[in-house]
Amino acid sequence: MSFFSNVLSRLLAPLLDKRLAAFQNDQIAAHCAEVENIYRQMRGWRHDYHNHIQTMKAHLALGQTDELNQYLSTLDTDLNEIDTMLKTGNVMVDAILNSKLSLAKSQGIRTDATAYVPSQLAVTEVDLCVILGNLLDNAIEACQLIEEKKQRFIRVYLGMLKQQLYISVSNSARGQIRRAGKRYLSTKDAPSHGYGLARVDRIVERYGGFVRRAHEEGVFATEIMLPIAQETPGGQK
């Protein structure tokens, strides 16, 4: 390393450390918000469960079996509507998707998600969760900028396409999306937030995958293709 390169590296190191620290702090804050939202939902379910038990006990004590049966039927319908948790076949992906989508719903964002993850993946679970987490963080961020909550939406699809893992995340977006050349930038002002999108691109590139982003008519969309693990004739990956 030359003298000038060494000096430049030393000058840039503190700046990079600050940006990385800011990015990590933002990630921790977002995770805490997601966990807090899940706990809030759990407290709500516990409260509702207690009320349901008391109502059924009251019907039973009064001998109102028809009313009790009707109440149970209504409760069964409500529970089926509540049970919207995604089950992709991968526990880690389930955790990241459900926590992010739960947070989105708490922000008044309509969500529509369909997801399936094959057991044989070339990408690690950690890298896949980093991709999904960053895509959904940016989608939630964009939706929060839209004042009219009825216009807020996020659509997620994960599945197999042409023997590859296909990921699609689209969301409502306001105004112009900032770009630097061919690269889309985060809508947040803080420079650290640009790391999320760049990290997604680096991960996809490392696995020889494909990323395509598009923005039109108030919708921002990202499509990603990732290879799945190939099995050898002996059945090993």
C-alpha atoms as a PDB file:
ATOM      1  CA  MET A   1       0.000   0.000   0.000  1.00  0.00           C
ATOM      2  CA  SER A   2       1.393   3.426  -0.986  1.00  0.00           C
ATOM      3  CA  PHE A   3       1.834   6.307   1.452  1.00  0.00           C
ATOM      4  CA  PHE A   4      -1.157   8.210   0.010  1.00  0.00           C
ATOM      5  CA  SER A   5      -3.376   5.113   0.044  1.00  0.00           C
ATOM      6  CA  ASN A   6      -2.450   4.473   3.659  1.00  0.00           C
ATOM      7  CA  VAL A   7      -3.277   8.065   4.646  1.00  0.00           C
ATOM      8  CA  LEU A   8      -6.576   7.946   2.738  1.00  0.00           C
ATOM      9  CA  SER A   9      -7.525   4.666   4.428  1.00  0.00           C
ATOM     10  CA  ARG A  10      -6.841   6.138   7.859  1.00  0.00           C
ATOM     11  CA  LEU A  11      -8.895   9.246   7.081  1.00  0.00           C
ATOM     12  CA  LEU A  12     -11.869   7.272   5.767  1.00  0.00           C
ATOM     13  CA  ALA A  13     -11.892   4.630   8.515  1.00  0.00           C
ATOM     14  CA  PRO A  14     -13.568   6.817  11.192  1.00  0.00           C
ATOM     15  CA  LEU A  15     -16.245   7.936   8.724  1.00  0.00           C
ATOM     16  CA  LEU A  16     -17.004   4.369   7.679  1.00  0.00           C
ATOM     17  CA  ASP A  17     -17.105   3.268  11.308  1.00  0.00           C
ATOM     18  CA  LYS A  18     -19.643   6.003  12.113  1.00  0.00           C
ATOM     19  CA  ARG A  19     -21.834   5.059   9.168  1.00  0.00           C
ATOM     20  CA  LEU A  20     -21.679   1.373  10.045  1.00  0.00           C
ATOM     21  CA  ALA A  21     -22.523   2.137  13.679  1.00  0.00           C
ATOM     22  CA  ALA A  22     -25.483   4.281  12.596  1.00  0.00           C
ATOM     23  CA  PHE A  23     -26.704   1.510  10.303  1.00  0.00           C
ATOM     24  CA  GLN A  24     -26.421  -1.098  13.056  1.00  0.00           C
ATOM     25  CA  ASN A  25     -28.253   1.170  15.511  1.00  0.00           C
ATOM     26  CA  ASP A  26     -31.083   1.612  13.000  1.00  0.00           C
ATOM     27  CA  GLN A  27     -31.297  -2.165  12.544  1.00  0.00           C
ATOM     28  CA  ILE A  28     -31.474  -2.713  16.314  1.00  0.00           C
ATOM     29  CA  ALA A  29     -34.150  -0.023  16.688  1.00  0.00           C
ATOM     30  CA  ALA A  30     -36.226  -1.584  13.908  1.00  0.00           C
ATOM     31  CA  HIS A  31     -35.919  -5.040  15.454  1.00  0.00           C
ATOM     32  CA  CYS A  32     -37.002  -3.710  18.842  1.00  0.00           C
ATOM     33  CA  ALA A  33     -40.054  -2.089  17.236  1.00  0.00           C
ATOM     34  CA  GLU A  34     -40.974  -5.394  15.587  1.00  0.00           C
ATOM     35  CA  VAL A  35     -40.645  -7.348  18.835  1.00  0.00           C
ATOM     36  CA  GLU A  36     -42.640  -4.715  20.732  1.00  0.00           C
ATOM     37  CA  ASN A  37     -45.423  -4.950  18.140  1.00  0.00           C
ATOM     38  CA  ILE A  38     -45.548  -8.747  18.461  1.00  0.00           C
ATOM     39  CA  TYR A  39     -45.739  -8.473  22.258  1.00  0.00           C
ATOM     40  CA  ARG A  40     -48.539  -5.928  21.912  1.00  0.00           C
ATOM     41  CA  GLN A  41     -50.487  -8.338  19.733  1.00  0.00           C
ATOM     42  CA  MET A  42     -49.901 -11.177  22.183  1.00  0.00           C
ATOM     43  CA  ARG A  43     -51.259  -9.049  25.048  1.00  0.00           C
ATOM     44  CA  GLY A  44     -54.318  -8.269  22.944  1.00  0.00           C
ATOM     45  CA  TRP A  45     -54.916 -11.943  22.191  1.00  0.00           C
ATOM     46  CA  ARG A  46     -54.591 -12.801  25.877  1.00  0.00           C
ATOM     47  CA  HIS A  47     -57.132 -10.129  26.799  1.00  0.00           C
ATOM     48  CA  ASP A  48     -59.569 -11.316  24.121  1.00  0.00           C
ATOM     49  CA  TYR A  49     -59.124 -14.952  25.171  1.00  0.00           C
ATOM     50  CA  HIS A  50     -60.052 -14.069  28.763  1.00  0.00           C
ATOM     51  CA  ASN A  51     -63.199 -12.249  27.587  1.00  0.00           C
ATOM     52  CA  HIS A  52     -64.243 -15.176  25.405  1.00  0.00           C
ATOM     53  CA  ILE A  53     -63.884 -17.597  28.324  1.00  0.00           C
ATOM     54  CA  GLN A  54     -66.020 -15.369  30.563  1.00  0.00           C
ATOM     55  CA  THR A  55     -68.740 -15.047  27.912  1.00  0.00           C
ATOM     56  CA  MET A  56     -68.892 -18.819  27.335  1.00  0.00           C
ATOM     57  CA  LYS A  57     -69.039 -19.467  31.093  1.00  0.00           C
ATOM     58  CA  ALA A  58     -71.956 -17.053  31.379  1.00  0.00           C
ATOM     59  CA  HIS A  59     -73.906 -18.818  28.599  1.00  0.00           C
ATOM     60  CA  LEU A  60     -73.164 -22.195  30.195  1.00  0.00           C
ATOM     61  CA  ALA A  61     -74.248 -21.050  33.687  1.00  0.00           C
ATOM     62  CA  LEU A  62     -77.561 -19.782  32.292  1.00  0.00           C
ATOM     63  CA  GLY A  63     -78.129 -22.994  30.352  1.00  0.00           C
ATOM     64  CA  GLN A  64     -78.035 -21.091  27.052  1.00  0.00           C
ATOM     65  CA  THR A  65     -76.649 -23.917  24.978  1.00  0.00           C
ATOM     66  CA  ASP A  66     -77.965 -22.550  21.669  1.00  0.00           C
ATOM     67  CA  GLU A  67     -76.362 -19.157  22.336  1.00  0.00           C
ATOM     68  CA  LEU A  68     -73.149 -20.889  23.409  1.00  0.00           C
ATOM     69  CA  ASN A  69     -73.080 -22.962  20.236  1.00  0.00           C
ATOM     70  CA  GLN A  70     -73.657 -19.856  18.119  1.00  0.00           C
ATOM     71  CA  TYR A  71     -70.914 -17.994  19.987  1.00  0.00           C
ATOM     72  CA  LEU A  72     -68.474 -20.870  19.432  1.00  0.00           C
ATOM     73  CA  SER A  73     -69.296 -20.895  15.719  1.00  0.00           C
ATOM     74  CA  THR A  74     -68.667 -17.152  15.476  1.00  0.00           C
ATOM     75  CA  LEU A  75     -65.428 -17.483  17.443  1.00  0.00           C
ATOM     76  CA  ASP A  76     -64.262 -20.294  15.170  1.00  0.00           C
ATOM     77  CA  THR A  77     -64.829 -18.081  12.123  1.00  0.00           C
ATOM     78  CA  ASP A  78     -62.955 -15.192  13.723  1.00  0.00           C
ATOM     79  CA  LEU A  79     -60.015 -17.425  14.636  1.00  0.00           C
ATOM     80  CA  ASN A  80     -59.780 -18.686  11.059  1.00  0.00           C
ATOM     81  CA  GLU A  81     -59.608 -15.090   9.845  1.00  0.00           C
ATOM     82  CA  ILE A  82     -56.958 -14.217  12.438  1.00  0.00           C
ATOM     83  CA  ASP A  83     -54.742 -17.183  11.541  1.00  0.00           C
ATOM     84  CA  THR A  84     -52.938 -15.409   8.702  1.00  0.00           C
ATOM     85  CA  MET A  85     -49.401 -16.279   9.775  1.00  0.00           C
ATOM     86  CA  LEU A  86     -47.227 -17.236   6.857  1.00  0.00           C
ATOM     87  CA  LYS A  87     -45.766 -20.716   6.912  1.00  0.00           C
ATOM     88  CA  THR A  88     -43.122 -20.926   4.206  1.00  0.00           C
ATOM     89  CA  GLY A  89     -41.471 -24.186   5.230  1.00  0.00           C
ATOM     90  CA  ASN A  90     -38.475 -22.329   6.659  1.00  0.00           C
ATOM     91  CA  VAL A  91     -38.579 -21.245  10.316  1.00  0.00           C
ATOM     92  CA  MET A  92     -36.152 -18.320   9.978  1.00  0.00           C
ATOM     93  CA  VAL A  93     -37.953 -16.945   6.929  1.00  0.00           C
ATOM     94  CA  ASP A  94     -41.280 -17.352   8.736  1.00  0.00           C
ATOM     95  CA  ALA A  95     -39.925 -15.284  11.624  1.00  0.00           C
ATOM     96  CA  ILE A  96     -38.635 -12.394   9.496  1.00  0.00           C
ATOM     97  CA  LEU A  97     -41.666 -12.262   7.194  1.00  0.00           C
ATOM     98  CA  ASN A  98     -44.270 -12.426   9.948  1.00  0.00           C
ATOM     99  CA  SER A  99     -42.515  -9.856  12.137  1.00  0.00           C
ATOM    100  CA  LYS A 100     -42.071  -7.374   9.269  1.00  0.00           C
ATOM    101  CA  LEU A 101     -45.608  -7.833   7.924  1.00  0.00           C
ATOM    102  CA  SER A 102     -47.021  -7.544  11.435  1.00  0.00           C
ATOM    103  CA  LEU A 103     -45.171  -4.253  11.840  1.00  0.00           C
ATOM    104  CA  ALA A 104     -46.497  -3.081   8.465  1.00  0.00           C
ATOM    105  CA  LYS A 105     -50.086  -3.832   9.466  1.00  0.00           C
ATOM    106  CA  SER A 106     -49.619  -1.853  12.685  1.00  0.00           C
ATOM    107  CA  GLN A 107     -48.676   1.121  10.480  1.00  0.00           C
ATOM    108  CA  GLY A 108     -51.955   0.906   8.570  1.00  0.00           C
ATOM    109  CA  ILE A 109     -50.383  -0.817   5.560  1.00  0.00           C
ATOM    110  CA  ARG A 110     -52.393  -3.428   3.662  1.00  0.00           C
ATOM    111  CA  THR A 111     -50.394  -6.593   3.113  1.00  0.00           C
ATOM    112  CA  ASP A 112     -50.794  -9.473   0.685  1.00  0.00           C
ATOM    113  CA  ALA A 113     -48.245 -12.256   0.965  1.00  0.00           C
ATOM    114  CA  THR A 114     -47.767 -15.713  -0.494  1.00  0.00           C
ATOM    115  CA  ALA A 115     -44.564 -17.535   0.277  1.00  0.00           C
ATOM    116  CA  TYR A 116     -42.958 -20.931  -0.147  1.00  0.00           C
ATOM    117  CA  VAL A 117     -39.282 -21.681   0.414  1.00  0.00           C
ATOM    118  CA  PRO A 118     -37.818 -24.951  -0.912  1.00  0.00           C
ATOM    119  CA  SER A 119     -35.690 -27.049   1.406  1.00  0.00           C
ATOM    120  CA  GLN A 120     -32.715 -27.054  -0.966  1.00  0.00           C
ATOM    121  CA  LEU A 121     -31.231 -23.557  -1.142  1.00  0.00           C
ATOM    122  CA  ALA A 122     -27.898 -22.292  -2.443  1.00  0.00           C
ATOM    123  CA  VAL A 123     -28.316 -19.113  -0.383  1.00  0.00           C
ATOM    124  CA  THR A 124     -27.900 -19.395   3.390  1.00  0.00           C
ATOM    125  CA  GLU A 125     -30.892 -18.740   5.650  1.00  0.00           C
ATOM    126  CA  VAL A 126     -29.112 -15.736   7.147  1.00  0.00           C
ATOM    127  CA  ASP A 127     -28.463 -14.144   3.735  1.00  0.00           C
ATOM    128  CA  LEU A 128     -32.034 -14.841   2.632  1.00  0.00           C
ATOM    129  CA  CYS A 129     -33.383 -13.166   5.783  1.00  0.00           C
ATOM    130  CA  VAL A 130     -31.087 -10.173   5.230  1.00  0.00           C
ATOM    131  CA  ILE A 131     -32.507  -9.802   1.714  1.00  0.00           C
ATOM    132  CA  LEU A 132     -36.122 -10.071   2.846  1.00  0.00           C
ATOM    133  CA  GLY A 133     -35.589  -7.856   5.881  1.00  0.00           C
ATOM    134  CA  ASN A 134     -34.072  -5.042   3.853  1.00  0.00           C
ATOM    135  CA  LEU A 135     -36.663  -5.262   1.083  1.00  0.00           C
ATOM    136  CA  LEU A 136     -39.520  -5.093   3.584  1.00  0.00           C
ATOM    137  CA  ASP A 137     -37.863  -2.331   5.608  1.00  0.00           C
ATOM    138  CA  ASN A 138     -37.670  -0.196   2.477  1.00  0.00           C
ATOM    139  CA  ALA A 139     -41.240  -1.080   1.499  1.00  0.00           C
ATOM    140  CA  ILE A 140     -42.545  -0.067   4.939  1.00  0.00           C
ATOM    141  CA  GLU A 141     -40.449   3.094   4.823  1.00  0.00           C
ATOM    142  CA  ALA A 142     -41.916   4.083   1.448  1.00  0.00           C
ATOM    143  CA  CYS A 143     -45.484   3.396   2.586  1.00  0.00           C
ATOM    144  CA  GLN A 144     -45.043   5.538   5.692  1.00  0.00           C
ATOM    145  CA  LEU A 145     -44.430   8.556   3.449  1.00  0.00           C
ATOM    146  CA  ILE A 146     -47.945   8.213   1.981  1.00  0.00           C
ATOM    147  CA  GLU A 147     -50.384  10.222   4.096  1.00  0.00           C
ATOM    148  CA  GLU A 148     -53.539   8.480   2.827  1.00  0.00           C
ATOM    149  CA  LYS A 149     -53.464   5.092   4.583  1.00  0.00           C
ATOM    150  CA  LYS A 150     -55.903   3.573   2.087  1.00  0.00           C
ATOM    151  CA  GLN A 151     -53.197   3.871  -0.553  1.00  0.00           C
ATOM    152  CA  ARG A 152     -50.569   2.024   1.486  1.00  0.00           C
ATOM    153  CA  PHE A 153     -49.877  -1.563   0.443  1.00  0.00           C
ATOM    154  CA  ILE A 154     -47.144  -4.193   0.331  1.00  0.00           C
ATOM    155  CA  ARG A 155     -47.273  -7.366  -1.768  1.00  0.00           C
ATOM    156  CA  VAL A 156     -44.838 -10.215  -1.230  1.00  0.00           C
ATOM    157  CA  TYR A 157     -44.362 -13.390  -3.215  1.00  0.00           C
ATOM    158  CA  LEU A 158     -41.761 -16.137  -2.736  1.00  0.00           C
ATOM    159  CA  GLY A 159     -41.769 -19.315  -4.755  1.00  0.00           C
ATOM    160  CA  MET A 160     -40.118 -21.420  -7.410  1.00  0.00           C
ATOM    161  CA  LEU A 161     -39.742 -20.074 -10.939  1.00  0.00           C
ATOM    162  CA  LYS A 162     -37.652 -21.756 -13.641  1.00  0.00           C
ATOM    163  CA  GLN A 163     -35.847 -23.888 -11.051  1.00  0.00           C
ATOM    164  CA  GLN A 164     -34.831 -20.813  -9.059  1.00  0.00           C
ATOM    165  CA  LEU A 165     -36.091 -19.057  -5.955  1.00  0.00           C
ATOM    166  CA  TYR A 166     -38.150 -16.083  -7.089  1.00  0.00           C
ATOM    167  CA  ILE A 167     -38.699 -13.144  -4.712  1.00  0.00           C
ATOM    168  CA  SER A 168     -41.044 -10.275  -5.512  1.00  0.00           C
ATOM    169  CA  VAL A 169     -41.760  -7.331  -3.218  1.00  0.00           C
ATOM    170  CA  SER A 170     -43.873  -4.412  -4.429  1.00  0.00           C
ATOM    171  CA  ASN A 171     -45.249  -1.463  -2.525  1.00  0.00           C
ATOM    172  CA  SER A 172     -46.958   1.867  -2.940  1.00  0.00           C
ATOM    173  CA  ALA A 173     -44.524   4.742  -3.429  1.00  0.00           C
ATOM    174  CA  ARG A 174     -44.899   8.495  -3.469  1.00  0.00           C
ATOM    175  CA  GLY A 175     -43.276  10.835  -5.964  1.00  0.00           C
ATOM    176  CA  GLN A 176     -39.898  10.259  -7.527  1.00  0.00           C
ATOM    177  CA  ILE A 177     -37.573   7.522  -6.341  1.00  0.00           C
ATOM    178  CA  ARG A 178     -33.984   8.741  -5.996  1.00  0.00           C
ATOM    179  CA  ARG A 179     -31.399   7.079  -8.179  1.00  0.00           C
ATOM    180  CA  ALA A 180     -27.638   7.137  -8.605  1.00  0.00           C
ATOM    181  CA  GLY A 181     -27.051   5.882 -12.125  1.00  0.00           C
ATOM    182  CA  LYS A 182     -28.817   2.526 -12.373  1.00  0.00           C
ATOM    183  CA  ARG A 183     -28.956   2.106  -8.603  1.00  0.00           C
ATOM    184  CA  TYR A 184     -32.065   3.032  -6.614  1.00  0.00           C
ATOM    185  CA  LEU A 185     -31.475   4.772  -3.305  1.00  0.00           C
ATOM    186  CA  SER A 186     -33.292   4.615   0.002  1.00  0.00           C
ATOM    187  CA  THR A 187     -35.938   7.283   0.586  1.00  0.00           C
ATOM    188  CA  LYS A 188     -34.450   8.133   3.984  1.00  0.00           C
ATOM    189  CA  ASP A 189     -32.118  11.082   4.324  1.00  0.00           C
ATOM    190  CA  ALA A 190     -29.529   9.438   6.560  1.00  0.00           C
ATOM    191  CA  PRO A 191     -26.618   8.103   4.434  1.00  0.00           C
ATOM    192  CA  SER A 192     -26.430   4.912   6.497  1.00  0.00           C
ATOM    193  CA  HIS A 193     -29.784   3.720   5.171  1.00  0.00           C
ATOM    194  CA  GLY A 194     -28.340   3.261   1.675  1.00  0.00           C
ATOM    195  CA  TYR A 195     -26.406   0.274   2.984  1.00  0.00           C
ATOM    196  CA  GLY A 196     -29.551  -1.881   3.071  1.00  0.00           C
ATOM    197  CA  LEU A 197     -30.170  -1.830  -0.667  1.00  0.00           C
ATOM    198  CA  ALA A 198     -26.467  -2.130  -1.456  1.00  0.00           C
ATOM    199  CA  ARG A 199     -26.184  -5.132   0.853  1.00  0.00           C
ATOM    200  CA  VAL A 200     -29.038  -6.881  -0.960  1.00  0.00           C
ATOM    201  CA  ASP A 201     -27.292  -6.321  -4.282  1.00  0.00           C
ATOM    202  CA  ARG A 202     -23.987  -7.691  -2.977  1.00  0.00           C
ATOM    203  CA  ILE A 203     -25.602 -10.830  -1.584  1.00  0.00           C
ATOM    204  CA  VAL A 204     -27.493 -11.553  -4.799  1.00  0.00           C
ATOM    205  CA  GLU A 205     -24.363 -10.951  -6.866  1.00  0.00           C
ATOM    206  CA  ARG A 206     -22.342 -13.305  -4.650  1.00  0.00           C
ATOM    207  CA  TYR A 207     -24.742 -16.159  -5.455  1.00  0.00           C
ATOM    208  CA  GLY A 208     -24.860 -15.356  -9.158  1.00  0.00           C
ATOM    209  CA  GLY A 209     -28.471 -14.217  -8.886  1.00  0.00           C
ATOM    210  CA  PHE A 210     -30.428 -11.466 -10.577  1.00  0.00           C
ATOM    211  CA  VAL A 211     -32.024  -8.241  -9.312  1.00  0.00           C
ATOM    212  CA  ARG A 212     -34.488  -6.043 -11.170  1.00  0.00           C
ATOM    213  CA  ARG A 213     -36.158  -2.941  -9.771  1.00  0.00           C
ATOM    214  CA  ALA A 214     -38.856  -0.828 -11.370  1.00  0.00           C
ATOM    215  CA  HIS A 215     -40.878   2.243 -10.445  1.00  0.00           C
ATOM    216  CA  GLU A 216     -44.019   3.420 -12.201  1.00  0.00           C
ATOM    217  CA  GLU A 217     -47.540   4.672 -11.451  1.00  0.00           C
ATOM    218  CA  GLY A 218     -46.911   5.015  -7.713  1.00  0.00           C
ATOM    219  CA  VAL A 219     -45.592   1.468  -7.323  1.00  0.00           C
ATOM    220  CA  PHE A 220     -42.041   0.366  -6.574  1.00  0.00           C
ATOM    221  CA  ALA A 221     -41.159  -3.263  -7.246  1.00  0.00           C
ATOM    222  CA  THR A 222     -38.144  -5.491  -6.733  1.00  0.00           C
ATOM    223  CA  GLU A 223     -37.682  -8.906  -8.319  1.00  0.00           C
ATOM    224  CA  ILE A 224     -34.883 -11.260  -7.346  1.00  0.00           C
ATOM    225  CA  MET A 225     -33.886 -14.655  -8.698  1.00  0.00           C
ATOM    226  CA  LEU A 226     -31.603 -16.890  -6.630  1.00  0.00           C
ATOM    227  CA  PRO A 227     -30.280 -20.371  -7.504  1.00  0.00           C
ATOM    228  CA  ILE A 228     -31.345 -23.370  -5.477  1.00  0.00           C
ATOM    229  CA  ALA A 229     -28.891 -26.041  -4.358  1.00  0.00           C
ATOM    230  CA  GLN A 230     -28.340 -28.802  -6.875  1.00  0.00           C
ATOM    231  CA  GLU A 231     -28.293 -32.412  -5.727  1.00  0.00           C
ATOM    232  CA  THR A 232     -25.626 -34.815  -6.901  1.00  0.00           C
ATOM    233  CA  PRO A 233     -26.593 -38.281  -8.244  1.00  0.00           C
ATOM    234  CA  GLY A 234     -25.828 -39.630  -4.777  1.00  0.00           C
ATOM    235  CA  GLY A 235     -28.442 -37.356  -3.255  1.00  0.00           C
ATOM    236  CA  GLN A 236     -25.969 -34.994  -1.578  1.00  0.00           C
ATOM    237  CA  LYS A 237     -25.941 -31.245  -2.102  1.00  0.00           C
END
